Amino acid sequence: QGRMVGTLTGAQMELVSFLLGDVDEITYSRGELFCLLGRRNAISLGTRQENGQWTLRVEGQILLRNALNDAVDEAQLRELLSQDILNLLAHLRDLGADPLGFSGRAASHFPTLQAWHQQGWDSGYRDAILEVSLRIFASEAT
């Protein structure tokens, strides 16, 4: 606790801040794609447990504010950004780090912290299923 367990790239840190709502916009680039993204509403971070298996879920509506490219394929952007978020979640999970606060969300499903610990959150987090569901909207104002 309170110790460094690994590193994140600048892009990963920016994505963490965006998911948490600490920043309103991020510059996103992947290959030839370069654009400015915002949130249409708050990003939802959630957990659920079914038959002893935890799932970590990220869901949100993303605004494509502007793009350096003439046209951005929104389906391609959704796929690339979803994959980057999945990769970030897997990396954080592998490190045993939880800057997105999934543990607190998971604990809220139980009447006591003891009940939560008895469900094996630490191993559950490491083995959790990761889900990302995004919708991309082109912004009228850039």
Protein backbone atom coordinates (compact mmCIF):
# COMPACT_ATOMS: atom_id res chain seq x y z
CA GLN A 1 0.00 0.00 0.00
CA GLY A 2 1.36 3.36 -1.03
CA ARG A 3 4.22 1.77 -2.95
CA MET A 4 5.10 1.97 -6.60
CA VAL A 5 4.18 -1.28 -8.33
CA GLY A 6 4.72 -0.35 -11.98
CA THR A 7 4.54 2.46 -14.47
CA LEU A 8 2.02 3.97 -16.84
CA THR A 9 2.77 5.88 -20.01
CA GLY A 10 1.72 9.50 -20.37
CA ALA A 11 -1.14 8.41 -22.64
CA GLN A 12 -2.30 5.86 -20.05
CA MET A 13 -2.21 8.49 -17.29
CA GLU A 14 -4.21 10.87 -19.48
CA LEU A 15 -6.77 8.11 -20.10
CA VAL A 16 -7.04 7.39 -16.34
CA SER A 17 -7.68 11.11 -15.70
CA PHE A 18 -10.28 11.21 -18.49
CA LEU A 19 -12.11 8.13 -17.17
CA LEU A 20 -12.16 9.58 -13.65
CA GLY A 21 -13.46 12.93 -14.89
CA ASP A 22 -10.37 14.82 -13.75
CA VAL A 23 -9.94 16.26 -17.26
CA ASP A 24 -12.72 17.18 -19.70
CA GLU A 25 -10.83 16.48 -22.91
CA ILE A 26 -7.93 14.41 -24.12
CA THR A 27 -5.90 14.37 -27.28
CA TYR A 28 -6.11 10.87 -28.70
CA SER A 29 -3.79 9.50 -31.33
CA ARG A 30 -3.39 6.05 -32.75
CA GLY A 31 -1.53 5.49 -36.02
CA GLU A 32 -2.85 8.04 -38.52
CA LEU A 33 -5.76 8.96 -36.25
CA PHE A 34 -5.36 12.17 -34.25
CA CYS A 35 -8.33 13.86 -32.55
CA LEU A 36 -9.67 15.68 -29.50
CA LEU A 37 -12.16 13.73 -27.38
CA GLY A 38 -14.56 14.87 -24.68
CA ARG A 39 -17.25 13.22 -22.57
CA ARG A 40 -20.91 13.58 -23.48
CA ASN A 41 -21.72 12.58 -19.91
CA ALA A 42 -19.87 11.04 -16.98
CA ILE A 43 -18.03 7.81 -17.68
CA SER A 44 -19.59 4.98 -15.69
CA LEU A 45 -17.16 2.69 -13.86
CA GLY A 46 -18.81 -0.34 -12.31
CA THR A 47 -18.39 -3.82 -10.92
CA ARG A 48 -20.59 -6.84 -10.63
CA GLN A 49 -20.14 -10.34 -9.28
CA GLU A 50 -21.88 -13.36 -10.71
CA ASN A 51 -21.19 -16.91 -9.52
CA GLY A 52 -17.96 -15.79 -7.85
CA GLN A 53 -16.63 -14.07 -10.99
CA TRP A 54 -16.05 -10.31 -10.91
CA THR A 55 -16.54 -8.06 -13.92
CA LEU A 56 -15.07 -4.56 -14.23
CA ARG A 57 -17.06 -2.36 -16.61
CA VAL A 58 -16.40 0.99 -18.28
CA GLU A 59 -19.30 2.58 -20.12
CA GLY A 60 -19.64 6.01 -21.66
CA GLN A 61 -20.57 8.36 -24.42
CA ILE A 62 -17.59 10.05 -26.03
CA LEU A 63 -17.65 13.27 -28.04
CA LEU A 64 -15.37 13.53 -31.05
CA ARG A 65 -14.65 17.26 -30.76
CA ASN A 66 -12.35 17.66 -33.72
CA ALA A 67 -9.89 15.71 -35.76
CA LEU A 68 -6.72 16.49 -37.62
CA ASN A 69 -7.87 13.95 -40.21
CA ASP A 70 -10.55 15.08 -42.65
CA ALA A 71 -12.91 12.31 -41.61
CA VAL A 72 -12.79 9.96 -38.68
CA ASP A 73 -14.54 6.61 -38.90
CA GLU A 74 -16.50 6.62 -35.64
CA ALA A 75 -16.72 2.82 -35.56
CA GLN A 76 -12.94 2.56 -35.95
CA LEU A 77 -12.40 5.20 -33.25
CA ARG A 78 -14.74 3.30 -30.88
CA GLU A 79 -12.87 0.05 -31.53
CA LEU A 80 -9.41 1.60 -31.03
CA LEU A 81 -10.36 3.56 -27.90
CA SER A 82 -12.19 0.55 -26.43
CA GLN A 83 -9.11 -1.61 -27.00
CA ASP A 84 -6.85 1.01 -25.39
CA ILE A 85 -9.13 1.13 -22.34
CA LEU A 86 -9.21 -2.68 -22.14
CA ASN A 87 -5.39 -2.73 -22.35
CA LEU A 88 -5.19 -0.09 -19.60
CA LEU A 89 -7.56 -2.05 -17.34
CA ALA A 90 -5.59 -5.26 -17.91
CA HIS A 91 -2.31 -3.50 -17.15
CA LEU A 92 -3.68 -1.96 -13.93
CA ARG A 93 -5.18 -5.29 -12.92
CA ASP A 94 -1.88 -7.09 -13.57
CA LEU A 95 -0.09 -4.53 -11.41
CA GLY A 96 -2.65 -4.97 -8.64
CA ALA A 97 -3.24 -1.21 -8.83
CA ASP A 98 -6.71 0.32 -8.74
CA PRO A 99 -6.55 4.06 -9.45
CA LEU A 100 -10.05 3.90 -10.99
CA GLY A 101 -11.60 2.85 -7.67
CA PHE A 102 -13.17 -0.45 -8.64
CA SER A 103 -12.50 -1.84 -5.15
CA GLY A 104 -14.72 0.78 -3.52
CA ARG A 105 -17.46 0.09 -6.03
CA ALA A 106 -17.18 -3.66 -5.38
CA ALA A 107 -17.23 -3.17 -1.59
CA SER A 108 -20.50 -1.25 -1.86
CA HIS A 109 -22.24 -4.49 -2.93
CA PHE A 110 -21.68 -5.98 0.55
CA PRO A 111 -23.14 -5.06 3.95
CA THR A 112 -19.71 -5.06 5.67
CA LEU A 113 -16.06 -4.86 4.70
CA GLN A 114 -15.58 -8.28 6.26
CA ALA A 115 -18.20 -9.76 3.91
CA TRP A 116 -16.44 -8.09 0.98
CA HIS A 117 -13.03 -9.48 2.02
CA GLN A 118 -14.53 -12.95 2.44
CA GLN A 119 -15.58 -12.84 -1.21
CA GLY A 120 -11.89 -12.68 -2.17
CA TRP A 121 -11.75 -9.30 -3.86
CA ASP A 122 -7.94 -9.31 -4.25
CA SER A 123 -7.90 -12.50 -6.31
CA GLY A 124 -11.23 -11.54 -7.88
CA TYR A 125 -9.73 -8.28 -9.13
CA ARG A 126 -6.75 -10.07 -10.69
CA ASP A 127 -9.07 -12.53 -12.47
CA ALA A 128 -11.86 -10.07 -13.33
CA ILE A 129 -13.54 -9.99 -16.72
CA LEU A 130 -13.06 -6.62 -18.41
CA GLU A 131 -15.84 -4.93 -20.36
CA VAL A 132 -15.89 -1.63 -22.24
CA SER A 133 -18.94 -0.18 -23.95
CA LEU A 134 -18.53 3.17 -25.73
CA ARG A 135 -20.68 5.26 -28.02
CA ILE A 136 -19.01 7.93 -30.16
CA PHE A 137 -20.80 11.15 -31.12
CA ALA A 138 -19.45 13.76 -33.50
CA SER A 139 -19.55 17.19 -31.88
CA GLU A 140 -21.18 20.01 -33.85
CA ALA A 141 -18.93 22.63 -32.24
CA THR A 142 -15.19 22.06 -32.54
